[in-house]
Amino acid sequence: MRLPVYRSNIVFVISEADAIRKLEQVLRRVDARLVLDKPSVRYMAEPFAGVEYGLRLGSARALLFMPEADLVSPEWETRLFKRLEAAKRYLETFPQDRLTRR
């Protein structure tokens, strides 16, 4: 059983480090081109508990939210996979930078 972590008066059920580990683990299965922006990962308690994180696919970037319930659920891998697949489809709608570096 995981004990909550306290920071001031906010209770964190999942640490940012655990959230990063889980997101990266599932991202590799969704698409190796998806990149997690680790410095952007932060726990949010209001208005809903969860983790805000940045995700990149090529030159497309988005700041997204993962509910804490999905991260701590016994089915967390399935839940994250579905949400990250949807995030990938969203990022694919943005035009990609077609310039190549030489």
PDB file of N, CA and C in Angstrom:
ATOM      1  N   MET A   1       0.836  -1.174   0.000  1.00  0.00           N
ATOM      2  CA  MET A   1       0.000   0.000   0.000  1.00  0.00           C
ATOM      3  C   MET A   1       0.886   1.245   0.000  1.00  0.00           C
ATOM      4  N   ARG A   2       0.573   2.180  -0.867  1.00  0.00           N
ATOM      5  CA  ARG A   2       1.349   3.413  -0.984  1.00  0.00           C
ATOM      6  C   ARG A   2       0.795   4.456  -0.023  1.00  0.00           C
ATOM      7  N   LEU A   3       1.671   5.042   0.774  1.00  0.00           N
ATOM      8  CA  LEU A   3       1.264   6.086   1.709  1.00  0.00           C
ATOM      9  C   LEU A   3       1.325   7.437   1.026  1.00  0.00           C
ATOM     10  N   PRO A   4       0.413   8.333   1.362  1.00  0.00           N
ATOM     11  CA  PRO A   4       0.445   9.664   0.743  1.00  0.00           C
ATOM     12  C   PRO A   4       1.664  10.463   1.177  1.00  0.00           C
ATOM     13  N   VAL A   5       2.111  11.344   0.316  1.00  0.00           N
ATOM     14  CA  VAL A   5       3.211  12.251   0.602  1.00  0.00           C
ATOM     15  C   VAL A   5       2.602  13.623   0.864  1.00  0.00           C
ATOM     16  N   TYR A   6       3.025  14.292   1.928  1.00  0.00           N
ATOM     17  CA  TYR A   6       2.466  15.592   2.270  1.00  0.00           C
ATOM     18  C   TYR A   6       3.432  16.714   1.915  1.00  0.00           C
ATOM     19  N   ARG A   7       2.945  17.737   1.245  1.00  0.00           N
ATOM     20  CA  ARG A   7       3.692  18.976   0.983  1.00  0.00           C
ATOM     21  C   ARG A   7       2.749  20.104   1.354  1.00  0.00           C
ATOM     22  N   SER A   8       3.085  20.835   2.366  1.00  0.00           N
ATOM     23  CA  SER A   8       2.224  21.851   2.978  1.00  0.00           C
ATOM     24  C   SER A   8       0.895  21.192   3.325  1.00  0.00           C
ATOM     25  N   ASN A   9      -0.214  21.685   2.791  1.00  0.00           N
ATOM     26  CA  ASN A   9      -1.505  21.086   3.123  1.00  0.00           C
ATOM     27  C   ASN A   9      -2.088  20.275   1.965  1.00  0.00           C
ATOM     28  N   ILE A  10      -1.270  19.922   0.980  1.00  0.00           N
ATOM     29  CA  ILE A  10      -1.712  19.146  -0.176  1.00  0.00           C
ATOM     30  C   ILE A  10      -1.243  17.706  -0.010  1.00  0.00           C
ATOM     31  N   VAL A  11      -2.124  16.746  -0.248  1.00  0.00           N
ATOM     32  CA  VAL A  11      -1.775  15.329  -0.151  1.00  0.00           C
ATOM     33  C   VAL A  11      -1.503  14.800  -1.559  1.00  0.00           C
ATOM     34  N   PHE A  12      -0.327  14.239  -1.750  1.00  0.00           N
ATOM     35  CA  PHE A  12       0.057  13.650  -3.033  1.00  0.00           C
ATOM     36  C   PHE A  12       0.006  12.142  -2.890  1.00  0.00           C
ATOM     37  N   VAL A  13      -0.849  11.494  -3.654  1.00  0.00           N
ATOM     38  CA  VAL A  13      -0.923  10.041  -3.603  1.00  0.00           C
ATOM     39  C   VAL A  13       0.139   9.434  -4.517  1.00  0.00           C
ATOM     40  N   ILE A  14       0.502  10.156  -5.587  1.00  0.00           N
ATOM     41  CA  ILE A  14       1.559   9.687  -6.488  1.00  0.00           C
ATOM     42  C   ILE A  14       2.612  10.788  -6.590  1.00  0.00           C
ATOM     43  N   SER A  15       3.855  10.404  -6.552  1.00  0.00           N
ATOM     44  CA  SER A  15       4.927  11.402  -6.678  1.00  0.00           C
ATOM     45  C   SER A  15       5.118  11.746  -8.156  1.00  0.00           C
ATOM     46  N   GLU A  16       5.719  12.893  -8.391  1.00  0.00           N
ATOM     47  CA  GLU A  16       6.016  13.279  -9.771  1.00  0.00           C
ATOM     48  C   GLU A  16       6.984  12.287 -10.402  1.00  0.00           C
ATOM     49  N   ALA A  17       7.933  11.778  -9.631  1.00  0.00           N
ATOM     50  CA  ALA A  17       8.891  10.791 -10.155  1.00  0.00           C
ATOM     51  C   ALA A  17       8.173   9.511 -10.582  1.00  0.00           C
ATOM     52  N   ASP A  18       7.211   9.049  -9.782  1.00  0.00           N
ATOM     53  CA  ASP A  18       6.445   7.856 -10.160  1.00  0.00           C
ATOM     54  C   ASP A  18       5.598   8.116 -11.398  1.00  0.00           C
ATOM     55  N   ALA A  19       5.028   9.308 -11.487  1.00  0.00           N
ATOM     56  CA  ALA A  19       4.233   9.662 -12.661  1.00  0.00           C
ATOM     57  C   ALA A  19       5.099   9.666 -13.914  1.00  0.00           C
ATOM     58  N   ILE A  20       6.294  10.231 -13.824  1.00  0.00           N
ATOM     59  CA  ILE A  20       7.222  10.243 -14.963  1.00  0.00           C
ATOM     60  C   ILE A  20       7.564   8.820 -15.376  1.00  0.00           C
ATOM     61  N   ARG A  21       7.877   7.974 -14.401  1.00  0.00           N
ATOM     62  CA  ARG A  21       8.234   6.585 -14.705  1.00  0.00           C
ATOM     63  C   ARG A  21       7.094   5.877 -15.437  1.00  0.00           C
ATOM     64  N   LYS A  22       5.880   6.040 -14.960  1.00  0.00           N
ATOM     65  CA  LYS A  22       4.733   5.373 -15.584  1.00  0.00           C
ATOM     66  C   LYS A  22       4.443   5.933 -16.975  1.00  0.00           C
ATOM     67  N   LEU A  23       4.490   7.261 -17.110  1.00  0.00           N
ATOM     68  CA  LEU A  23       4.245   7.867 -18.417  1.00  0.00           C
ATOM     69  C   LEU A  23       5.279   7.398 -19.435  1.00  0.00           C
ATOM     70  N   GLU A  24       6.551   7.411 -19.061  1.00  0.00           N
ATOM     71  CA  GLU A  24       7.600   6.984 -19.994  1.00  0.00           C
ATOM     72  C   GLU A  24       7.463   5.509 -20.365  1.00  0.00           C
ATOM     73  N   GLN A  25       7.096   4.693 -19.406  1.00  0.00           N
ATOM     74  CA  GLN A  25       6.941   3.265 -19.668  1.00  0.00           C
ATOM     75  C   GLN A  25       5.857   3.019 -20.727  1.00  0.00           C
ATOM     76  N   VAL A  26       4.751   3.721 -20.616  1.00  0.00           N
ATOM     77  CA  VAL A  26       3.653   3.515 -21.560  1.00  0.00           C
ATOM     78  C   VAL A  26       3.917   4.243 -22.876  1.00  0.00           C
ATOM     79  N   LEU A  27       4.562   5.399 -22.831  1.00  0.00           N
ATOM     80  CA  LEU A  27       4.870   6.133 -24.062  1.00  0.00           C
ATOM     81  C   LEU A  27       5.662   5.280 -25.044  1.00  0.00           C
ATOM     82  N   ARG A  28       6.609   4.508 -24.545  1.00  0.00           N
ATOM     83  CA  ARG A  28       7.424   3.644 -25.420  1.00  0.00           C
ATOM     84  C   ARG A  28       6.558   2.647 -26.177  1.00  0.00           C
ATOM     85  N   ARG A  29       5.480   2.189 -25.550  1.00  0.00           N
ATOM     86  CA  ARG A  29       4.585   1.227 -26.201  1.00  0.00           C
ATOM     87  C   ARG A  29       3.650   1.902 -27.199  1.00  0.00           C
ATOM     88  N   VAL A  30       3.297   3.153 -26.953  1.00  0.00           N
ATOM     89  CA  VAL A  30       2.385   3.868 -27.849  1.00  0.00           C
ATOM     90  C   VAL A  30       3.111   4.265 -29.124  1.00  0.00           C
ATOM     91  N   ASP A  31       4.243   4.968 -28.982  1.00  0.00           N
ATOM     92  CA  ASP A  31       5.010   5.416 -30.148  1.00  0.00           C
ATOM     93  C   ASP A  31       6.352   5.942 -29.647  1.00  0.00           C
ATOM     94  N   ALA A  32       7.420   5.404 -30.172  1.00  0.00           N
ATOM     95  CA  ALA A  32       8.764   5.790 -29.727  1.00  0.00           C
ATOM     96  C   ALA A  32       9.087   7.249 -30.052  1.00  0.00           C
ATOM     97  N   ARG A  33       8.322   7.858 -30.963  1.00  0.00           N
ATOM     98  CA  ARG A  33       8.563   9.261 -31.321  1.00  0.00           C
ATOM     99  C   ARG A  33       8.007  10.240 -30.296  1.00  0.00           C
ATOM    100  N   LEU A  34       7.127   9.777 -29.416  1.00  0.00           N
ATOM    101  CA  LEU A  34       6.558  10.651 -28.383  1.00  0.00           C
ATOM    102  C   LEU A  34       7.600  10.915 -27.308  1.00  0.00           C
ATOM    103  N   VAL A  35       7.749  12.187 -26.930  1.00  0.00           N
ATOM    104  CA  VAL A  35       8.751  12.581 -25.946  1.00  0.00           C
ATOM    105  C   VAL A  35       8.055  13.309 -24.795  1.00  0.00           C
ATOM    106  N   LEU A  36       8.308  12.839 -23.589  1.00  0.00           N
ATOM    107  CA  LEU A  36       7.795  13.477 -22.391  1.00  0.00           C
ATOM    108  C   LEU A  36       8.724  14.616 -21.991  1.00  0.00           C
ATOM    109  N   ASP A  37       8.165  15.793 -21.750  1.00  0.00           N
ATOM    110  CA  ASP A  37       8.935  16.939 -21.269  1.00  0.00           C
ATOM    111  C   ASP A  37       8.974  16.850 -19.744  1.00  0.00           C
ATOM    112  N   LYS A  38       9.998  16.189 -19.216  1.00  0.00           N
ATOM    113  CA  LYS A  38      10.081  15.917 -17.772  1.00  0.00           C
ATOM    114  C   LYS A  38      10.009  17.166 -16.895  1.00  0.00           C
ATOM    115  N   PRO A  39      10.682  18.277 -17.264  1.00  0.00           N
ATOM    116  CA  PRO A  39      10.599  19.460 -16.386  1.00  0.00           C
ATOM    117  C   PRO A  39       9.180  20.023 -16.255  1.00  0.00           C
ATOM    118  N   SER A  40       8.302  19.711 -17.203  1.00  0.00           N
ATOM    119  CA  SER A  40       6.939  20.246 -17.139  1.00  0.00           C
ATOM    120  C   SER A  40       6.018  19.413 -16.248  1.00  0.00           C
ATOM    121  N   VAL A  41       6.460  18.246 -15.818  1.00  0.00           N
ATOM    122  CA  VAL A  41       5.608  17.373 -15.017  1.00  0.00           C
ATOM    123  C   VAL A  41       5.442  17.959 -13.618  1.00  0.00           C
ATOM    124  N   ARG A  42       4.179  18.179 -13.231  1.00  0.00           N
ATOM    125  CA  ARG A  42       3.924  18.697 -11.889  1.00  0.00           C
ATOM    126  C   ARG A  42       2.566  18.215 -11.404  1.00  0.00           C
ATOM    127  N   TYR A  43       2.505  17.954 -10.129  1.00  0.00           N
ATOM    128  CA  TYR A  43       1.271  17.499  -9.500  1.00  0.00           C
ATOM    129  C   TYR A  43       0.334  18.683  -9.315  1.00  0.00           C
ATOM    130  N   MET A  44      -0.934  18.457  -9.558  1.00  0.00           N
ATOM    131  CA  MET A  44      -1.956  19.481  -9.353  1.00  0.00           C
ATOM    132  C   MET A  44      -3.070  18.883  -8.496  1.00  0.00           C
ATOM    133  N   ALA A  45      -3.495  19.595  -7.483  1.00  0.00           N
ATOM    134  CA  ALA A  45      -4.570  19.122  -6.620  1.00  0.00           C
ATOM    135  C   ALA A  45      -5.907  19.768  -6.975  1.00  0.00           C
ATOM    136  N   GLU A  46      -5.868  20.934  -7.576  1.00  0.00           N
ATOM    137  CA  GLU A  46      -7.081  21.691  -7.876  1.00  0.00           C
ATOM    138  C   GLU A  46      -7.136  22.008  -9.360  1.00  0.00           C
ATOM    139  N   PRO A  47      -8.215  22.029 -10.036  1.00  0.00           N
ATOM    140  CA  PRO A  47      -9.537  21.650  -9.539  1.00  0.00           C
ATOM    141  C   PRO A  47      -9.720  20.135  -9.453  1.00  0.00           C
ATOM    142  N   PHE A  48      -8.816  19.381 -10.098  1.00  0.00           N
ATOM    143  CA  PHE A  48      -8.858  17.920 -10.017  1.00  0.00           C
ATOM    144  C   PHE A  48      -7.457  17.411  -9.718  1.00  0.00           C
ATOM    145  N   ALA A  49      -7.356  16.356  -8.938  1.00  0.00           N
ATOM    146  CA  ALA A  49      -6.048  15.778  -8.625  1.00  0.00           C
ATOM    147  C   ALA A  49      -5.485  15.074  -9.855  1.00  0.00           C
ATOM    148  N   GLY A  50      -4.218  15.342 -10.129  1.00  0.00           N
ATOM    149  CA  GLY A  50      -3.572  14.696 -11.264  1.00  0.00           C
ATOM    150  C   GLY A  50      -2.240  15.328 -11.578  1.00  0.00           C
ATOM    151  N   VAL A  51      -1.717  14.991 -12.741  1.00  0.00           N
ATOM    152  CA  VAL A  51      -0.401  15.447 -13.154  1.00  0.00           C
ATOM    153  C   VAL A  51      -0.511  16.178 -14.483  1.00  0.00           C
ATOM    154  N   GLU A  52       0.056  17.382 -14.514  1.00  0.00           N
ATOM    155  CA  GLU A  52       0.171  18.137 -15.754  1.00  0.00           C
ATOM    156  C   GLU A  52       1.513  17.758 -16.372  1.00  0.00           C
ATOM    157  N   TYR A  53       1.546  17.570 -17.692  1.00  0.00           N
ATOM    158  CA  TYR A  53       2.795  17.169 -18.342  1.00  0.00           C
ATOM    159  C   TYR A  53       2.826  17.654 -19.784  1.00  0.00           C
ATOM    160  N   GLY A  54       4.027  17.882 -20.282  1.00  0.00           N
ATOM    161  CA  GLY A  54       4.213  18.270 -21.668  1.00  0.00           C
ATOM    162  C   GLY A  54       4.559  17.052 -22.501  1.00  0.00           C
ATOM    163  N   LEU A  55       4.023  17.033 -23.722  1.00  0.00           N
ATOM    164  CA  LEU A  55       4.273  15.915 -24.630  1.00  0.00           C
ATOM    165  C   LEU A  55       4.625  16.484 -25.993  1.00  0.00           C
ATOM    166  N   ARG A  56       5.604  15.865 -26.653  1.00  0.00           N
ATOM    167  CA  ARG A  56       6.078  16.336 -27.959  1.00  0.00           C
ATOM    168  C   ARG A  56       6.070  15.195 -28.960  1.00  0.00           C
ATOM    169  N   LEU A  57       5.634  15.522 -30.169  1.00  0.00           N
ATOM    170  CA  LEU A  57       5.709  14.605 -31.301  1.00  0.00           C
ATOM    171  C   LEU A  57       6.246  15.418 -32.463  1.00  0.00           C
ATOM    172  N   GLY A  58       7.522  15.222 -32.787  1.00  0.00           N
ATOM    173  CA  GLY A  58       8.156  16.066 -33.798  1.00  0.00           C
ATOM    174  C   GLY A  58       8.184  17.499 -33.306  1.00  0.00           C
ATOM    175  N   SER A  59       7.651  18.432 -34.107  1.00  0.00           N
ATOM    176  CA  SER A  59       7.621  19.834 -33.691  1.00  0.00           C
ATOM    177  C   SER A  59       6.312  20.203 -32.994  1.00  0.00           C
ATOM    178  N   ALA A  60       5.382  19.271 -32.909  1.00  0.00           N
ATOM    179  CA  ALA A  60       4.105  19.518 -32.223  1.00  0.00           C
ATOM    180  C   ALA A  60       4.276  19.300 -30.724  1.00  0.00           C
ATOM    181  N   ARG A  61       3.745  20.239 -29.947  1.00  0.00           N
ATOM    182  CA  ARG A  61       3.856  20.163 -28.486  1.00  0.00           C
ATOM    183  C   ARG A  61       2.506  20.460 -27.867  1.00  0.00           C
ATOM    184  N   ALA A  62       2.257  19.830 -26.722  1.00  0.00           N
ATOM    185  CA  ALA A  62       1.015  20.087 -26.000  1.00  0.00           C
ATOM    186  C   ALA A  62       1.254  19.933 -24.506  1.00  0.00           C
ATOM    187  N   LEU A  63       0.536  20.721 -23.723  1.00  0.00           N
ATOM    188  CA  LEU A  63       0.530  20.591 -22.276  1.00  0.00           C
ATOM    189  C   LEU A  63      -0.769  19.871 -21.927  1.00  0.00           C
ATOM    190  N   LEU A  64      -0.659  18.709 -21.311  1.00  0.00           N
ATOM    191  CA  LEU A  64      -1.804  17.844 -21.072  1.00  0.00           C
ATOM    192  C   LEU A  64      -1.975  17.541 -19.588  1.00  0.00           C
ATOM    193  N   PHE A  65      -3.044  16.841 -19.270  1.00  0.00           N
ATOM    194  CA  PHE A  65      -3.362  16.509 -17.886  1.00  0.00           C
ATOM    195  C   PHE A  65      -3.721  15.028 -17.791  1.00  0.00           C
ATOM    196  N   MET A  66      -3.169  14.343 -16.789  1.00  0.00           N
ATOM    197  CA  MET A  66      -3.489  12.943 -16.524  1.00  0.00           C
ATOM    198  C   MET A  66      -4.112  12.871 -15.137  1.00  0.00           C
ATOM    199  N   PRO A  67      -5.368  12.427 -15.034  1.00  0.00           N
ATOM    200  CA  PRO A  67      -6.001  12.319 -13.716  1.00  0.00           C
ATOM    201  C   PRO A  67      -5.243  11.355 -12.811  1.00  0.00           C
ATOM    202  N   GLU A  68      -5.163  11.712 -11.548  1.00  0.00           N
ATOM    203  CA  GLU A  68      -4.476  10.869 -10.582  1.00  0.00           C
ATOM    204  C   GLU A  68      -5.110   9.480 -10.508  1.00  0.00           C
ATOM    205  N   ALA A  69      -6.432   9.423 -10.650  1.00  0.00           N
ATOM    206  CA  ALA A  69      -7.126   8.133 -10.590  1.00  0.00           C
ATOM    207  C   ALA A  69      -6.581   7.164 -11.637  1.00  0.00           C
ATOM    208  N   ASP A  70      -6.213   7.678 -12.812  1.00  0.00           N
ATOM    209  CA  ASP A  70      -5.649   6.816 -13.855  1.00  0.00           C
ATOM    210  C   ASP A  70      -4.248   6.347 -13.488  1.00  0.00           C
ATOM    211  N   LEU A  71      -3.486   7.197 -12.831  1.00  0.00           N
ATOM    212  CA  LEU A  71      -2.101   6.872 -12.487  1.00  0.00           C
ATOM    213  C   LEU A  71      -1.982   5.875 -11.339  1.00  0.00           C
ATOM    214  N   VAL A  72      -2.966   5.838 -10.440  1.00  0.00           N
ATOM    215  CA  VAL A  72      -2.869   4.960  -9.269  1.00  0.00           C
ATOM    216  C   VAL A  72      -3.798   3.751  -9.361  1.00  0.00           C
ATOM    217  N   SER A  73      -4.565   3.657 -10.421  1.00  0.00           N
ATOM    218  CA  SER A  73      -5.485   2.538 -10.612  1.00  0.00           C
ATOM    219  C   SER A  73      -4.709   1.230 -10.824  1.00  0.00           C
ATOM    220  N   PRO A  74      -5.281   0.093 -10.411  1.00  0.00           N
ATOM    221  CA  PRO A  74      -4.644  -1.191 -10.729  1.00  0.00           C
ATOM    222  C   PRO A  74      -4.516  -1.409 -12.246  1.00  0.00           C
ATOM    223  N   GLU A  75      -5.371  -0.761 -13.016  1.00  0.00           N
ATOM    224  CA  GLU A  75      -5.328  -0.864 -14.487  1.00  0.00           C
ATOM    225  C   GLU A  75      -4.607   0.339 -15.102  1.00  0.00           C
ATOM    226  N   TRP A  76      -3.624   0.908 -14.398  1.00  0.00           N
ATOM    227  CA  TRP A  76      -2.996   2.140 -14.851  1.00  0.00           C
ATOM    228  C   TRP A  76      -2.374   2.026 -16.236  1.00  0.00           C
ATOM    229  N   GLU A  77      -1.796   0.875 -16.573  1.00  0.00           N
ATOM    230  CA  GLU A  77      -1.155   0.741 -17.890  1.00  0.00           C
ATOM    231  C   GLU A  77      -2.166   0.858 -19.019  1.00  0.00           C
ATOM    232  N   THR A  78      -3.310   0.217 -18.862  1.00  0.00           N
ATOM    233  CA  THR A  78      -4.363   0.276 -19.884  1.00  0.00           C
ATOM    234  C   THR A  78      -4.920   1.689 -19.987  1.00  0.00           C
ATOM    235  N   ARG A  79      -5.171   2.315 -18.851  1.00  0.00           N
ATOM    236  CA  ARG A  79      -5.723   3.671 -18.847  1.00  0.00           C
ATOM    237  C   ARG A  79      -4.765   4.664 -19.495  1.00  0.00           C
ATOM    238  N   LEU A  80      -3.484   4.596 -19.121  1.00  0.00           N
ATOM    239  CA  LEU A  80      -2.516   5.514 -19.700  1.00  0.00           C
ATOM    240  C   LEU A  80      -2.336   5.253 -21.188  1.00  0.00           C
ATOM    241  N   PHE A  81      -2.331   3.991 -21.577  1.00  0.00           N
ATOM    242  CA  PHE A  81      -2.175   3.662 -22.996  1.00  0.00           C
ATOM    243  C   PHE A  81      -3.277   4.323 -23.817  1.00  0.00           C
ATOM    244  N   LYS A  82      -4.527   4.204 -23.366  1.00  0.00           N
ATOM    245  CA  LYS A  82      -5.652   4.796 -24.105  1.00  0.00           C
ATOM    246  C   LYS A  82      -5.538   6.311 -24.167  1.00  0.00           C
ATOM    247  N   ARG A  83      -5.184   6.941 -23.051  1.00  0.00           N
ATOM    248  CA  ARG A  83      -5.076   8.404 -23.026  1.00  0.00           C
ATOM    249  C   ARG A  83      -3.900   8.895 -23.866  1.00  0.00           C
ATOM    250  N   LEU A  84      -2.777   8.177 -23.821  1.00  0.00           N
ATOM    251  CA  LEU A  84      -1.606   8.600 -24.590  1.00  0.00           C
ATOM    252  C   LEU A  84      -1.775   8.331 -26.072  1.00  0.00           C
ATOM    253  N   GLU A  85      -2.527   7.303 -26.440  1.00  0.00           N
ATOM    254  CA  GLU A  85      -2.876   7.094 -27.851  1.00  0.00           C
ATOM    255  C   GLU A  85      -3.707   8.269 -28.359  1.00  0.00           C
ATOM    256  N   ALA A  86      -4.663   8.714 -27.553  1.00  0.00           N
ATOM    257  CA  ALA A  86      -5.496   9.861 -27.923  1.00  0.00           C
ATOM    258  C   ALA A  86      -4.647  11.130 -28.040  1.00  0.00           C
ATOM    259  N   ALA A  87      -3.691  11.303 -27.134  1.00  0.00           N
ATOM    260  CA  ALA A  87      -2.799  12.456 -27.186  1.00  0.00           C
ATOM    261  C   ALA A  87      -1.956  12.420 -28.460  1.00  0.00           C
ATOM    262  N   LYS A  88      -1.509  11.246 -28.846  1.00  0.00           N
ATOM    263  CA  LYS A  88      -0.727  11.096 -30.082  1.00  0.00           C
ATOM    264  C   LYS A  88      -1.572  11.491 -31.289  1.00  0.00           C
ATOM    265  N   ARG A  89      -2.813  11.011 -31.342  1.00  0.00           N
ATOM    266  CA  ARG A  89      -3.700  11.373 -32.457  1.00  0.00           C
ATOM    267  C   ARG A  89      -3.906  12.879 -32.507  1.00  0.00           C
ATOM    268  N   TYR A  90      -4.032  13.512 -31.341  1.00  0.00           N
ATOM    269  CA  TYR A  90      -4.187  14.959 -31.276  1.00  0.00           C
ATOM    270  C   TYR A  90      -2.947  15.661 -31.817  1.00  0.00           C
ATOM    271  N   LEU A  91      -1.769  15.245 -31.375  1.00  0.00           N
ATOM    272  CA  LEU A  91      -0.528  15.866 -31.829  1.00  0.00           C
ATOM    273  C   LEU A  91      -0.301  15.669 -33.330  1.00  0.00           C
ATOM    274  N   GLU A  92      -0.784  14.571 -33.862  1.00  0.00           N
ATOM    275  CA  GLU A  92      -0.614  14.302 -35.296  1.00  0.00           C
ATOM    276  C   GLU A  92      -1.434  15.256 -36.163  1.00  0.00           C
ATOM    277  N   THR A  93      -2.400  15.961 -35.577  1.00  0.00           N
ATOM    278  CA  THR A  93      -3.211  16.906 -36.357  1.00  0.00           C
ATOM    279  C   THR A  93      -2.467  18.214 -36.619  1.00  0.00           C
ATOM    280  N   PHE A  94      -1.366  18.453 -35.894  1.00  0.00           N
ATOM    281  CA  PHE A  94      -0.607  19.674 -36.082  1.00  0.00           C
ATOM    282  C   PHE A  94       0.383  19.501 -37.225  1.00  0.00           C
ATOM    283  N   PRO A  95       0.596  20.574 -38.003  1.00  0.00           N
ATOM    284  CA  PRO A  95       1.598  20.471 -39.078  1.00  0.00           C
ATOM    285  C   PRO A  95       2.985  20.235 -38.490  1.00  0.00           C
ATOM    286  N   GLN A  96       3.735  19.410 -39.157  1.00  0.00           N
ATOM    287  CA  GLN A  96       5.100  19.121 -38.717  1.00  0.00           C
ATOM    288  C   GLN A  96       6.085  19.981 -39.484  1.00  0.00           C
ATOM    289  N   ASP A  97       7.165  20.357 -38.818  1.00  0.00           N
ATOM    290  CA  ASP A  97       8.237  21.136 -39.449  1.00  0.00           C
ATOM    291  C   ASP A  97       8.906  20.252 -40.499  1.00  0.00           C
ATOM    292  N   ARG A  98       8.853  20.676 -41.736  1.00  0.00           N
ATOM    293  CA  ARG A  98       9.387  19.857 -42.821  1.00  0.00           C
ATOM    294  C   ARG A  98      10.827  20.232 -43.189  1.00  0.00           C
ATOM    295  N   LEU A  99      11.411  21.174 -42.484  1.00  0.00           N
ATOM    296  CA  LEU A  99      12.798  21.547 -42.773  1.00  0.00           C
ATOM    297  C   LEU A  99      13.731  20.474 -42.244  1.00  0.00           C
ATOM    298  N   THR A 100      14.707  20.151 -43.032  1.00  0.00           N
ATOM    299  CA  THR A 100      15.701  19.169 -42.584  1.00  0.00           C
ATOM    300  C   THR A 100      17.003  19.883 -42.298  1.00  0.00           C
ATOM    301  N   ARG A 101      17.661  19.480 -41.243  1.00  0.00           N
ATOM    302  CA  ARG A 101      18.964  20.082 -40.919  1.00  0.00           C
ATOM    303  C   ARG A 101      20.060  19.316 -41.614  1.00  0.00           C
ATOM    304  N   ARG A 102      21.038  20.069 -42.066  1.00  0.00           N
ATOM    305  CA  ARG A 102      22.181  19.438 -42.736  1.00  0.00           C
ATOM    306  C   ARG A 102      23.427  19.708 -41.979  1.00  0.00           C
TER     307      ARG A 102
END
